[in-house]
Amino acid sequence: MFKTLRTFFTPPAYEDPELNRQAHFITRILYVIFGIAGLAILVAPFGITRPERVLPTAVILLIAGVVVRQWLHRGRIHAAGRLLSAVAWVILTFAHVHNGGIHSRSLVMYILAVMIASLTLRFWERVAYIAISTGTMGLFIWLENTGRYAFPQGSSDPTGTVFAIALTMIGADALIQIALQDLQHTISRLQENERRLTESNQDLQASRALLEARSQALEERTRVLQQRSRQLQIIAELGHAVTELNDLDAILERAVELISRRFAFYHVGIFLTDSNGEYAILRAANSQGGKRMLARSHRLKIGEQGIVGYAAARRQARVALDVGEDATHFKNPDLPHTRSEMALPLVTGKALVGVLDIQSTQENAFTQEDVDTLQILADQLAVAIRNALLFAENQRALENAQRAYAESTRQAWAQFLHSRRQEGYLCDELDMVSPVGEAWPPEMQTALQAGESILVDASTLAAPVQVRGQTIGVLRLRKSPDAPPWNADERSLVDALAEQLGLAVDSARLYTTTQRRAERERLTAEIVNRIRASNDPHAILQTAVQELRQALGASAAQVLIQPEQ
């Protein structure tokens, strides 16, 4: 039974908090109404009130309460509140009409109706309810004063009056408690919401602080990545710039200029090791102090002087974030504003070629990321320097080989020409080819000595015939007087033909020389074979003088063997 009553008086639950509050209000008011109706039914037999009026009123309240409860569980909350307020107003108005009108002792119960309306109706509905109640009392006064209606006189029994006041007080107190409980619940809920809001704000502040920290870390990481990207771009630019150059001095000047300009360093210097590996010699610098050091051939002892000497000896980067506190730092009067210094070894394979020296006017100017990035640049620079050194060495070897080959060619041609008379040919206008004498025309002598083509006049052109830089002859061409003068294209064509002529003549010389060498070797082999055909010393000597005289065309050949002493 108690479970059934608990279920009956349990308010429905809604997702909307306002609907839940209204449902709880109306359910608690139903507690009061059912309590008052039950109390009225209990006291009716004792004659405190008029049973013929109280009992029907109590039954009406109970029926109205059941209907209101059903509407609550069907979601008709506002309709249930209106019904409850209307029933209370109708019952109280009916009681006033039959108990003396404005003089009714139950008039005070209007307060209960107004309180019920205040707890269950909306704002404008409450205003209308109060207006109707006030108008009803005004109507009672008007009817009584004008004599238009004579209200029945109520009972003068003080017990009934006390009972009515007691019911009013009980009902008012119950309704006030309901309102207070709702207010306390609202305050508790607000406090809980405030606590949750405070916790949420604290969480938000913590999240905001974490987000700001992460944002700062992200910004710092982005800055570092952008700086590293810029540095890598500079490294790529430097690598592209130095790979286009083969001259060592040009590479060094380009490197210090590019590094100082793109990184905005106070001083950038490049040291190269000497041939003995004892000193690091400054070969390029961007600053004014560095140029003064270059003028006096500044050098540092490897392993003994400065950060540069340390980096060269250890073959690892050396950084001084505060040169005033670093005992290794070499205090250079030419660079008085240096506050930080970094030296990076220039190493290719196992060979140390030098040191890249970078100095800044700021303390703590270099990070580990800067060291790692600039070491990549130093490695590329080391490869470029090594390639330039190898290129210079190869160039020197090539020049020596070319000079040796040219000298060999000159000697070979000298020997070739010495064994032959001067050769030359002339082709005239009739296309007749005839040999020429040993006399050289002046213009051909000039071209021979100058080693380049000469335009004697508008119709005569002399071009040297060269083989590997050695002039072996001159080609002279002459146009007819009425022909146009030599133009640039024709002169270029003559130079090309003279060059090809030299190659062809040299090839013929080589062929002739090879043939002669082969003939000599063949003849030598035949003579040797004939000499070796006999084992008699006298026969060998006789055969030797005979074969040599015949082979060399000598008039006589003689051989003597010295007797034993």
Protein backbone atom coordinates (compact mmCIF):
# COMPACT_ATOMS: atom_id res chain seq x y z
CA MET A 1 0.00 0.00 0.00
CA PHE A 2 2.77 2.41 0.95
CA LYS A 3 4.56 1.51 -2.27
CA THR A 4 1.39 2.32 -4.21
CA LEU A 5 1.01 5.66 -2.39
CA ARG A 6 4.69 6.46 -3.00
CA THR A 7 4.24 5.68 -6.67
CA PHE A 8 1.04 7.75 -6.79
CA PHE A 9 2.69 10.82 -5.25
CA THR A 10 5.97 10.50 -7.14
CA PRO A 11 6.28 13.39 -9.62
CA PRO A 12 7.08 12.56 -13.24
CA ALA A 13 10.55 13.25 -14.64
CA TYR A 14 11.15 15.46 -17.66
CA GLU A 15 14.28 16.44 -19.58
CA ASP A 16 13.43 20.14 -19.23
CA PRO A 17 14.53 21.37 -15.74
CA GLU A 18 11.73 23.99 -15.65
CA LEU A 19 9.08 21.35 -16.34
CA ASN A 20 10.57 19.19 -13.61
CA ARG A 21 10.39 22.10 -11.17
CA GLN A 22 6.74 22.80 -12.03
CA ALA A 23 5.87 19.11 -11.69
CA HIS A 24 7.50 18.98 -8.23
CA PHE A 25 5.65 22.16 -7.19
CA ILE A 26 2.27 20.84 -8.24
CA THR A 27 2.92 17.43 -6.66
CA ARG A 28 3.79 19.05 -3.31
CA ILE A 29 0.69 21.26 -3.53
CA LEU A 30 -1.28 18.08 -4.07
CA TYR A 31 0.19 16.84 -0.78
CA VAL A 32 -1.24 19.93 0.92
CA ILE A 33 -4.63 19.69 -0.83
CA PHE A 34 -5.00 16.00 -0.05
CA GLY A 35 -3.94 16.72 3.55
CA ILE A 36 -6.44 19.57 3.98
CA ALA A 37 -9.23 17.56 2.35
CA GLY A 38 -8.44 14.56 4.54
CA LEU A 39 -8.36 16.74 7.66
CA ALA A 40 -11.71 18.33 6.72
CA ILE A 41 -13.26 14.90 6.26
CA LEU A 42 -11.90 13.77 9.64
CA VAL A 43 -13.22 16.77 11.60
CA ALA A 44 -16.59 16.99 9.81
CA PRO A 45 -18.34 14.44 12.09
CA PHE A 46 -17.40 16.49 15.16
CA GLY A 47 -19.49 19.47 14.07
CA ILE A 48 -16.65 21.94 13.94
CA THR A 49 -17.73 22.87 10.41
CA ARG A 50 -20.82 22.30 8.34
CA PRO A 51 -20.54 18.74 7.05
CA GLU A 52 -23.01 19.35 4.24
CA ARG A 53 -20.61 21.86 2.73
CA VAL A 54 -17.23 20.59 3.86
CA LEU A 55 -17.58 17.01 2.66
CA PRO A 56 -18.59 17.86 -0.95
CA THR A 57 -15.80 20.43 -1.04
CA ALA A 58 -13.26 17.87 0.18
CA VAL A 59 -14.46 15.32 -2.37
CA ILE A 60 -14.18 17.91 -5.15
CA LEU A 61 -10.63 18.68 -4.04
CA LEU A 62 -9.73 14.99 -4.03
CA ILE A 63 -11.20 14.45 -7.50
CA ALA A 64 -9.46 17.56 -8.81
CA GLY A 65 -6.20 16.33 -7.26
CA VAL A 66 -6.49 12.96 -9.01
CA VAL A 67 -7.16 14.67 -12.34
CA VAL A 68 -4.21 17.01 -11.82
CA ARG A 69 -1.98 14.04 -11.00
CA GLN A 70 -3.03 12.28 -14.24
CA TRP A 71 -2.38 15.41 -16.28
CA LEU A 72 1.06 15.71 -14.72
CA HIS A 73 2.03 12.23 -15.82
CA ARG A 74 0.71 12.92 -19.32
CA GLY A 75 2.85 16.00 -19.72
CA ARG A 76 0.05 18.55 -19.36
CA ILE A 77 1.82 20.45 -16.61
CA HIS A 78 0.59 23.97 -17.36
CA ALA A 79 -2.98 22.71 -17.77
CA ALA A 80 -2.70 20.89 -14.42
CA GLY A 81 -1.55 24.11 -12.73
CA ARG A 82 -4.41 26.07 -14.24
CA LEU A 83 -6.94 23.43 -13.15
CA LEU A 84 -5.58 23.39 -9.60
CA SER A 85 -5.70 27.18 -9.30
CA ALA A 86 -9.17 27.35 -10.84
CA VAL A 87 -10.60 24.68 -8.50
CA ALA A 88 -9.14 26.47 -5.47
CA TRP A 89 -10.60 29.80 -6.65
CA VAL A 90 -14.05 28.31 -7.39
CA ILE A 91 -14.28 26.49 -4.04
CA LEU A 92 -13.19 29.53 -2.04
CA THR A 93 -15.50 31.87 -3.97
CA PHE A 94 -18.42 29.45 -3.42
CA ALA A 95 -17.61 29.35 0.30
CA HIS A 96 -17.53 33.17 0.50
CA VAL A 97 -20.86 33.50 -1.29
CA HIS A 98 -22.55 31.14 1.20
CA ASN A 99 -20.79 32.41 4.30
CA GLY A 100 -21.42 36.14 4.38
CA GLY A 101 -19.65 37.43 1.31
CA ILE A 102 -17.13 40.07 2.27
CA HIS A 103 -17.71 39.23 5.93
CA SER A 104 -16.98 35.55 5.43
CA ARG A 105 -14.50 34.10 7.91
CA SER A 106 -12.99 32.03 5.08
CA LEU A 107 -12.10 35.14 3.08
CA VAL A 108 -8.57 34.87 4.37
CA MET A 109 -8.27 31.59 2.47
CA TYR A 110 -7.96 33.62 -0.74
CA ILE A 111 -4.35 33.91 0.29
CA LEU A 112 -3.99 30.15 -0.24
CA ALA A 113 -5.50 30.41 -3.71
CA VAL A 114 -3.17 33.26 -4.64
CA MET A 115 -0.17 31.32 -3.30
CA ILE A 116 -1.19 28.23 -5.27
CA ALA A 117 -1.54 30.36 -8.39
CA SER A 118 1.85 31.98 -7.75
CA LEU A 119 3.49 28.56 -7.56
CA THR A 120 1.75 26.95 -10.54
CA LEU A 121 0.87 29.65 -13.08
CA ARG A 122 2.90 31.77 -15.45
CA PHE A 123 3.46 35.48 -14.86
CA TRP A 124 0.56 36.91 -16.85
CA GLU A 125 -1.69 34.10 -15.61
CA ARG A 126 -0.81 35.02 -12.01
CA VAL A 127 -1.53 38.67 -12.72
CA ALA A 128 -4.91 37.73 -14.20
CA TYR A 129 -5.65 35.43 -11.24
CA ILE A 130 -4.94 38.15 -8.69
CA ALA A 131 -6.98 40.63 -10.71
CA ILE A 132 -9.95 38.24 -10.85
CA SER A 133 -9.72 37.52 -7.12
CA THR A 134 -9.50 41.22 -6.29
CA GLY A 135 -12.37 41.95 -8.65
CA THR A 136 -14.45 39.24 -7.00
CA MET A 137 -13.98 40.81 -3.57
CA GLY A 138 -14.79 44.20 -5.04
CA LEU A 139 -17.94 42.68 -6.55
CA PHE A 140 -18.92 41.36 -3.14
CA ILE A 141 -18.53 44.82 -1.63
CA TRP A 142 -20.51 46.47 -4.44
CA LEU A 143 -23.33 43.92 -4.21
CA GLU A 144 -23.55 44.36 -0.46
CA ASN A 145 -23.37 48.16 -0.50
CA THR A 146 -25.97 48.52 -3.25
CA GLY A 147 -28.23 45.89 -1.73
CA ARG A 148 -28.45 44.03 -5.00
CA TYR A 149 -27.63 40.73 -3.30
CA ALA A 150 -28.02 39.65 0.29
CA PHE A 151 -25.28 37.22 1.23
CA PRO A 152 -26.33 34.47 3.66
CA GLN A 153 -24.87 34.96 7.08
CA GLY A 154 -22.24 32.41 7.99
CA SER A 155 -21.96 30.62 11.27
CA SER A 156 -20.84 32.72 14.22
CA ASP A 157 -19.31 29.73 15.95
CA PRO A 158 -15.77 30.74 16.93
CA THR A 159 -14.64 27.14 16.61
CA GLY A 160 -15.29 27.20 12.86
CA THR A 161 -13.45 30.48 12.60
CA VAL A 162 -10.48 29.07 14.44
CA PHE A 163 -10.59 25.97 12.22
CA ALA A 164 -10.68 28.07 9.07
CA ILE A 165 -7.77 30.19 10.29
CA ALA A 166 -5.89 27.06 11.32
CA LEU A 167 -6.42 25.50 7.90
CA THR A 168 -5.29 28.72 6.29
CA MET A 169 -2.16 28.85 8.43
CA ILE A 170 -1.39 25.20 7.83
CA GLY A 171 -1.91 25.57 4.10
CA ALA A 172 0.04 28.81 3.94
CA ASP A 173 2.89 27.31 5.93
CA ALA A 174 2.92 24.24 3.71
CA LEU A 175 2.94 26.35 0.57
CA ILE A 176 5.65 28.59 2.02
CA GLN A 177 7.69 25.51 2.88
CA ILE A 178 7.21 24.27 -0.64
CA ALA A 179 8.42 27.61 -1.97
CA LEU A 180 11.31 27.66 0.49
CA GLN A 181 12.30 24.12 -0.38
CA ASP A 182 12.26 25.03 -4.03
CA LEU A 183 14.25 28.15 -3.26
CA GLN A 184 16.76 26.13 -1.23
CA HIS A 185 16.90 23.56 -3.98
CA THR A 186 17.43 26.35 -6.49
CA ILE A 187 20.13 27.90 -4.30
CA SER A 188 21.80 24.50 -3.87
CA ARG A 189 21.57 23.91 -7.56
CA LEU A 190 23.00 27.36 -8.25
CA GLN A 191 25.77 26.72 -5.75
CA GLU A 192 26.46 23.38 -7.40
CA ASN A 193 26.39 25.04 -10.78
CA GLU A 194 28.69 27.75 -9.44
CA ARG A 195 31.04 25.09 -8.09
CA ARG A 196 30.95 23.25 -11.37
CA LEU A 197 31.37 26.52 -13.22
CA THR A 198 34.33 27.39 -11.00
CA GLU A 199 35.83 23.97 -11.61
CA SER A 200 35.07 24.34 -15.28
CA ASN A 201 36.69 27.78 -15.29
CA GLN A 202 39.70 26.36 -13.50
CA ASP A 203 39.84 23.54 -16.02
CA LEU A 204 39.43 26.08 -18.80
CA GLN A 205 42.17 28.24 -17.32
CA ALA A 206 44.40 25.19 -16.99
CA SER A 207 43.52 24.18 -20.54
CA ARG A 208 44.11 27.73 -21.68
CA ALA A 209 47.47 27.81 -19.93
CA LEU A 210 48.34 24.44 -21.45
CA LEU A 211 47.11 25.62 -24.84
CA GLU A 212 49.11 28.83 -24.52
CA ALA A 213 52.16 26.81 -23.51
CA ARG A 214 51.64 24.48 -26.44
CA SER A 215 50.99 27.46 -28.70
CA GLN A 216 54.20 29.10 -27.52
CA ALA A 217 56.03 25.81 -27.97
CA LEU A 218 54.49 25.47 -31.43
CA GLU A 219 55.43 29.05 -32.29
CA GLU A 220 58.95 28.42 -31.05
CA ARG A 221 59.10 25.18 -32.99
CA THR A 222 57.74 26.96 -36.06
CA ARG A 223 60.33 29.70 -35.62
CA VAL A 224 63.09 27.12 -35.27
CA LEU A 225 61.83 25.23 -38.32
CA GLN A 226 61.58 28.44 -40.32
CA GLN A 227 65.08 29.40 -39.24
CA ARG A 228 66.37 25.92 -40.07
CA SER A 229 64.56 26.01 -43.41
CA ARG A 230 66.15 29.39 -44.14
CA GLN A 231 69.54 28.04 -43.12
CA LEU A 232 69.11 24.96 -45.31
CA GLN A 233 68.07 27.22 -48.18
CA ILE A 234 71.22 29.26 -47.64
CA ILE A 235 73.25 26.04 -47.54
CA ALA A 236 71.70 24.95 -50.82
CA GLU A 237 72.38 28.39 -52.29
CA LEU A 238 75.98 28.26 -51.10
CA GLY A 239 76.40 24.74 -52.44
CA HIS A 240 75.04 25.82 -55.81
CA ALA A 241 77.23 28.93 -55.83
CA VAL A 242 80.50 27.21 -54.97
CA THR A 243 79.94 24.24 -57.27
CA GLU A 244 79.83 26.65 -60.20
CA LEU A 245 83.35 27.84 -59.38
CA ASN A 246 86.68 26.08 -59.79
CA ASP A 247 88.99 28.83 -58.59
CA LEU A 248 89.85 28.41 -54.89
CA ASP A 249 90.08 32.13 -54.09
CA ALA A 250 86.75 32.79 -55.81
CA ILE A 251 85.10 29.99 -53.80
CA LEU A 252 86.44 31.33 -50.50
CA GLU A 253 85.42 34.94 -51.24
CA ARG A 254 81.97 33.86 -52.39
CA ALA A 255 81.49 31.68 -49.30
CA VAL A 256 82.39 34.34 -46.70
CA GLU A 257 80.34 36.97 -48.54
CA LEU A 258 77.26 34.77 -48.75
CA ILE A 259 77.46 33.45 -45.16
CA SER A 260 78.00 36.89 -43.62
CA ARG A 261 75.25 38.49 -45.69
CA ARG A 262 72.57 35.82 -45.25
CA PHE A 263 73.29 35.03 -41.56
CA ALA A 264 74.24 38.61 -40.57
CA PHE A 265 77.38 37.52 -38.71
CA TYR A 266 79.94 40.04 -37.46
CA HIS A 267 82.91 38.14 -38.86
CA VAL A 268 83.28 35.12 -41.12
CA GLY A 269 86.73 33.77 -41.87
CA ILE A 270 88.04 30.68 -43.65
CA PHE A 271 91.35 29.18 -42.59
CA LEU A 272 93.22 26.61 -44.68
CA THR A 273 95.90 24.32 -43.31
CA ASP A 274 99.45 24.60 -44.60
CA SER A 275 101.23 21.75 -46.37
CA ASN A 276 102.81 20.55 -43.10
CA GLY A 277 99.56 20.65 -41.13
CA GLU A 278 101.10 22.91 -38.47
CA TYR A 279 99.27 26.19 -39.04
CA ALA A 280 95.79 27.33 -40.02
CA ILE A 281 96.26 30.26 -42.40
CA LEU A 282 93.50 32.83 -42.95
CA ARG A 283 92.60 32.87 -46.65
CA ALA A 284 89.28 34.79 -46.77
CA ALA A 285 87.30 37.14 -44.47
CA ASN A 286 84.41 39.56 -44.75
CA SER A 287 85.04 42.04 -41.91
CA GLN A 288 87.42 44.98 -41.98
CA GLY A 289 89.41 43.45 -39.17
CA GLY A 290 89.57 40.20 -41.09
CA LYS A 291 90.92 42.00 -44.16
CA ARG A 292 93.68 43.54 -42.04
CA MET A 293 94.50 40.06 -40.80
CA LEU A 294 94.64 38.85 -44.41
CA ALA A 295 97.05 41.64 -45.30
CA ARG A 296 99.56 40.41 -42.71
CA SER A 297 99.02 36.70 -43.50
CA HIS A 298 97.37 35.89 -40.16
CA ARG A 299 97.84 32.30 -39.02
CA LEU A 300 97.19 30.23 -35.88
CA LYS A 301 99.10 27.27 -34.51
CA ILE A 302 96.94 24.15 -34.77
CA GLY A 303 96.14 22.75 -31.34
CA GLU A 304 97.68 25.69 -29.49
CA GLN A 305 96.08 28.98 -30.50
CA GLY A 306 92.44 29.94 -30.23
CA ILE A 307 89.20 28.17 -30.92
CA VAL A 308 90.25 27.75 -34.55
CA GLY A 309 93.38 25.85 -33.51
CA TYR A 310 91.31 23.73 -31.12
CA ALA A 311 88.71 22.82 -33.78
CA ALA A 312 91.46 22.00 -36.28
CA ALA A 313 93.30 19.75 -33.83
CA ARG A 314 90.18 17.94 -32.55
CA ARG A 315 88.38 18.01 -35.91
CA GLN A 316 85.15 18.88 -34.14
CA ALA A 317 83.08 22.02 -33.68
CA ARG A 318 84.07 24.39 -30.88
CA VAL A 319 81.68 27.06 -29.59
CA ALA A 320 82.38 29.89 -27.14
CA LEU A 321 79.04 31.41 -26.10
CA ASP A 322 80.84 34.05 -24.01
CA VAL A 323 84.38 34.67 -25.22
CA GLY A 324 85.21 36.54 -22.03
CA GLU A 325 84.70 33.35 -20.02
CA ASP A 326 86.37 30.97 -22.49
CA ALA A 327 90.07 30.46 -21.91
CA THR A 328 90.53 28.94 -25.38
CA HIS A 329 89.39 32.09 -27.18
CA PHE A 330 92.11 34.07 -28.94
CA LYS A 331 91.62 37.76 -28.12
CA ASN A 332 92.12 39.45 -31.45
CA PRO A 333 92.54 43.26 -31.44
CA ASP A 334 91.26 43.38 -35.01
CA LEU A 335 87.88 42.00 -33.86
CA PRO A 336 87.12 43.90 -30.62
CA HIS A 337 83.32 43.45 -30.72
CA THR A 338 83.29 39.65 -30.69
CA ARG A 339 81.09 38.16 -27.92
CA SER A 340 80.46 34.66 -29.29
CA GLU A 341 82.56 32.50 -31.57
CA MET A 342 82.10 29.20 -33.36
CA ALA A 343 84.77 27.25 -35.25
CA LEU A 344 83.75 24.41 -37.58
CA PRO A 345 86.34 22.03 -39.06
CA LEU A 346 86.42 21.63 -42.83
CA VAL A 347 86.92 17.90 -43.25
CA THR A 348 86.58 15.69 -46.33
CA GLY A 349 86.99 12.01 -45.65
CA LYS A 350 89.97 11.82 -43.30
CA ALA A 351 91.63 14.99 -44.57
CA LEU A 352 91.42 18.35 -42.78
CA VAL A 353 91.45 21.20 -45.29
CA GLY A 354 90.71 24.10 -42.94
CA VAL A 355 88.37 25.74 -40.41
CA LEU A 356 85.29 27.95 -40.84
CA ASP A 357 85.41 30.69 -38.17
CA ILE A 358 82.16 32.56 -37.33
CA GLN A 359 81.92 35.38 -34.77
CA SER A 360 78.95 37.36 -33.41
CA THR A 361 78.54 40.56 -31.41
CA GLN A 362 75.91 38.89 -29.18
CA GLU A 363 76.48 36.53 -26.29
CA ASN A 364 74.91 33.06 -26.53
CA ALA A 365 74.35 33.68 -30.23
CA PHE A 366 74.67 30.03 -31.28
CA THR A 367 72.39 27.09 -30.47
CA GLN A 368 73.03 23.41 -31.03
CA GLU A 369 70.69 23.58 -34.03
CA ASP A 370 72.86 26.37 -35.47
CA VAL A 371 75.96 24.24 -34.95
CA ASP A 372 74.37 21.21 -36.64
CA THR A 373 73.07 23.26 -39.57
CA LEU A 374 76.27 25.23 -40.12
CA GLN A 375 78.31 22.04 -39.89
CA ILE A 376 76.41 20.82 -42.96
CA LEU A 377 77.41 24.06 -44.67
CA ALA A 378 81.01 23.55 -43.55
CA ASP A 379 81.01 20.02 -44.96
CA GLN A 380 79.79 21.28 -48.33
CA LEU A 381 82.37 24.05 -48.27
CA ALA A 382 85.10 21.52 -47.44
CA VAL A 383 84.12 19.41 -50.44
CA ALA A 384 84.15 22.49 -52.68
CA ILE A 385 87.59 23.52 -51.38
CA ARG A 386 88.93 20.00 -51.82
CA ASN A 387 87.56 19.88 -55.37
CA ALA A 388 89.10 23.28 -56.13
CA LEU A 389 92.47 22.10 -54.81
CA LEU A 390 92.24 18.92 -56.89
CA PHE A 391 91.15 20.95 -59.91
CA ALA A 392 94.12 23.30 -59.51
CA GLU A 393 96.44 20.32 -59.11
CA ASN A 394 94.98 18.67 -62.20
CA GLN A 395 95.25 21.93 -64.11
CA ARG A 396 98.91 22.21 -63.21
CA ALA A 397 99.49 18.59 -64.22
CA LEU A 398 97.59 19.17 -67.45
CA GLU A 399 99.58 22.30 -68.22
CA ASN A 400 102.82 20.45 -67.53
CA ALA A 401 101.69 17.58 -69.75
CA GLN A 402 100.65 20.01 -72.48
CA ARG A 403 103.98 21.81 -72.28
CA ALA A 404 105.85 18.51 -72.36
CA TYR A 405 103.76 17.27 -75.26
CA ALA A 406 104.16 20.55 -77.11
CA GLU A 407 107.91 20.40 -76.57
CA SER A 408 107.92 16.80 -77.75
CA THR A 409 105.93 17.82 -80.81
CA ARG A 410 108.29 20.72 -81.50
CA GLN A 411 111.32 18.47 -81.25
CA ALA A 412 109.68 15.82 -83.41
CA TRP A 413 108.86 18.38 -86.09
CA ALA A 414 112.33 19.83 -85.84
CA GLN A 415 113.82 16.40 -86.42
CA PHE A 416 111.32 15.70 -89.18
CA LEU A 417 112.03 18.95 -90.99
CA HIS A 418 115.77 18.61 -90.44
CA SER A 419 115.74 15.36 -92.33
CA ARG A 420 113.84 16.95 -95.22
CA ARG A 421 114.12 20.11 -97.19
CA GLN A 422 111.54 22.85 -96.73
CA GLU A 423 108.31 21.86 -98.39
CA GLY A 424 105.72 24.23 -99.82
CA TYR A 425 103.30 24.39 -102.72
CA LEU A 426 101.48 27.09 -104.68
CA CYS A 427 98.15 26.72 -106.49
CA ASP A 428 97.61 29.48 -109.07
CA GLU A 429 94.52 30.78 -110.88
CA LEU A 430 94.86 28.02 -113.47
CA ASP A 431 94.61 25.44 -110.69
CA MET A 432 98.21 24.43 -111.30
CA VAL A 433 100.09 23.16 -108.22
CA SER A 434 103.83 23.68 -108.13
CA PRO A 435 106.49 23.55 -105.41
CA VAL A 436 107.91 26.81 -104.09
CA GLY A 437 111.38 27.74 -102.96
CA GLU A 438 112.69 28.31 -99.47
CA ALA A 439 112.07 32.08 -99.51
CA TRP A 440 109.19 33.19 -97.21
CA PRO A 441 107.06 36.19 -98.16
CA PRO A 442 107.04 38.90 -95.43
CA GLU A 443 103.37 38.41 -94.57
CA MET A 444 103.92 34.68 -94.04
CA GLN A 445 106.94 35.42 -91.86
CA THR A 446 104.77 37.77 -89.76
CA ALA A 447 102.00 35.17 -89.35
CA LEU A 448 104.62 32.52 -88.45
CA GLN A 449 106.07 34.70 -85.70
CA ALA A 450 102.71 36.02 -84.42
CA GLY A 451 101.04 32.61 -84.34
CA GLU A 452 97.71 34.08 -85.54
CA SER A 453 96.03 34.96 -88.81
CA ILE A 454 96.94 38.29 -90.43
CA LEU A 455 94.99 40.28 -93.01
CA VAL A 456 97.74 41.77 -95.16
CA ASP A 457 95.38 43.77 -97.35
CA ALA A 458 91.79 43.49 -98.53
CA SER A 459 92.66 40.52 -100.74
CA THR A 460 95.49 38.69 -98.91
CA LEU A 461 95.08 36.58 -95.73
CA ALA A 462 97.82 34.59 -93.94
CA ALA A 463 96.84 31.97 -91.32
CA PRO A 464 99.29 29.91 -89.21
CA VAL A 465 99.20 26.11 -89.40
CA GLN A 466 99.56 24.88 -85.82
CA VAL A 467 99.87 21.54 -84.06
CA ARG A 468 99.28 21.54 -80.28
CA GLY A 469 100.29 25.19 -79.98
CA GLN A 470 103.35 24.86 -82.21
CA THR A 471 103.33 26.75 -85.52
CA ILE A 472 104.69 24.49 -88.25
CA GLY A 473 103.72 26.51 -91.31
CA VAL A 474 101.59 29.27 -92.80
CA LEU A 475 98.64 29.16 -95.21
CA ARG A 476 98.34 32.21 -97.47
CA LEU A 477 95.24 32.96 -99.54
CA ARG A 478 94.81 35.77 -102.04
CA LYS A 479 91.61 36.94 -103.74
CA SER A 480 91.40 38.50 -107.17
CA PRO A 481 91.38 42.31 -107.19
CA ASP A 482 87.71 42.54 -108.19
CA ALA A 483 86.56 40.08 -105.44
CA PRO A 484 85.03 41.38 -102.16
CA PRO A 485 87.41 41.68 -99.19
CA TRP A 486 87.75 38.97 -96.55
CA ASN A 487 84.91 39.04 -94.02
CA ALA A 488 84.80 37.62 -90.48
CA ASP A 489 83.05 34.39 -91.47
CA GLU A 490 85.62 33.68 -94.17
CA ARG A 491 88.50 34.36 -91.79
CA SER A 492 86.97 31.99 -89.21
CA LEU A 493 86.60 29.36 -91.91
CA VAL A 494 90.26 29.79 -92.97
CA ASP A 495 91.42 29.49 -89.33
CA ALA A 496 89.41 26.28 -88.92
CA LEU A 497 90.79 24.87 -92.17
CA ALA A 498 94.34 25.80 -91.13
CA GLU A 499 93.82 23.97 -87.84
CA GLN A 500 92.52 20.88 -89.61
CA LEU A 501 95.42 21.12 -92.07
CA GLY A 502 97.86 21.09 -89.17
CA LEU A 503 96.20 18.00 -87.69
CA ALA A 504 96.27 16.24 -91.07
CA VAL A 505 99.95 17.09 -91.69
CA ASP A 506 100.85 15.99 -88.15
CA SER A 507 98.99 12.73 -88.67
CA ALA A 508 100.94 12.20 -91.89
CA ARG A 509 104.17 12.98 -90.05
CA LEU A 510 103.31 10.49 -87.35
CA TYR A 511 102.48 7.91 -90.00
CA THR A 512 105.78 8.54 -91.82
CA THR A 513 107.71 8.45 -88.55
CA THR A 514 106.00 5.23 -87.59
CA GLN A 515 106.78 3.71 -90.96
CA ARG A 516 110.44 4.70 -90.65
CA ARG A 517 110.63 3.30 -87.15
CA ALA A 518 109.03 0.08 -88.33
CA GLU A 519 111.50 -0.12 -91.24
CA ARG A 520 114.42 0.45 -88.89
CA GLU A 521 113.17 -2.20 -86.53
CA ARG A 522 112.68 -4.62 -89.43
CA LEU A 523 116.16 -3.90 -90.80
CA THR A 524 117.67 -4.21 -87.34
CA ALA A 525 115.95 -7.52 -86.85
CA GLU A 526 117.25 -8.83 -90.20
CA ILE A 527 120.84 -7.74 -89.48
CA VAL A 528 120.73 -9.24 -86.02
CA ASN A 529 119.35 -12.49 -87.39
CA ARG A 530 122.14 -12.70 -90.00
CA ILE A 531 124.80 -11.88 -87.44
CA ARG A 532 123.47 -14.53 -85.09
CA ALA A 533 123.32 -17.12 -87.85
CA SER A 534 126.93 -18.12 -87.13
CA ASN A 535 128.71 -19.11 -83.96
CA ASP A 536 132.18 -18.24 -85.32
CA PRO A 537 133.33 -14.85 -83.94
CA HIS A 538 135.24 -14.03 -87.12
CA ALA A 539 132.20 -14.83 -89.27
CA ILE A 540 129.99 -12.72 -86.99
CA LEU A 541 132.29 -9.68 -87.30
CA GLN A 542 132.55 -10.06 -91.07
CA THR A 543 128.78 -10.33 -91.42
CA ALA A 544 128.26 -7.31 -89.16
CA VAL A 545 130.47 -4.87 -91.11
CA GLN A 546 129.07 -6.08 -94.39
CA GLU A 547 125.39 -5.79 -93.40
CA LEU A 548 125.80 -2.43 -91.65
CA ARG A 549 127.60 -0.85 -94.62
CA GLN A 550 124.92 -2.05 -97.00
CA ALA A 551 122.01 -1.08 -94.72
CA LEU A 552 123.30 2.42 -93.94
CA GLY A 553 124.79 3.11 -97.39
CA ALA A 554 128.25 3.77 -95.98
CA SER A 555 131.32 3.72 -98.20
CA ALA A 556 133.16 1.60 -95.68
CA ALA A 557 132.55 -0.17 -92.37
CA GLN A 558 135.20 -1.29 -89.90
CA VAL A 559 135.09 -3.08 -86.55
CA LEU A 560 138.00 -3.78 -84.19
CA ILE A 561 138.05 -6.00 -81.10
CA GLN A 562 140.52 -4.93 -78.43
CA PRO A 563 142.90 -7.75 -77.51
CA GLU A 564 143.32 -8.81 -73.92
CA GLN A 565 145.69 -6.67 -71.83
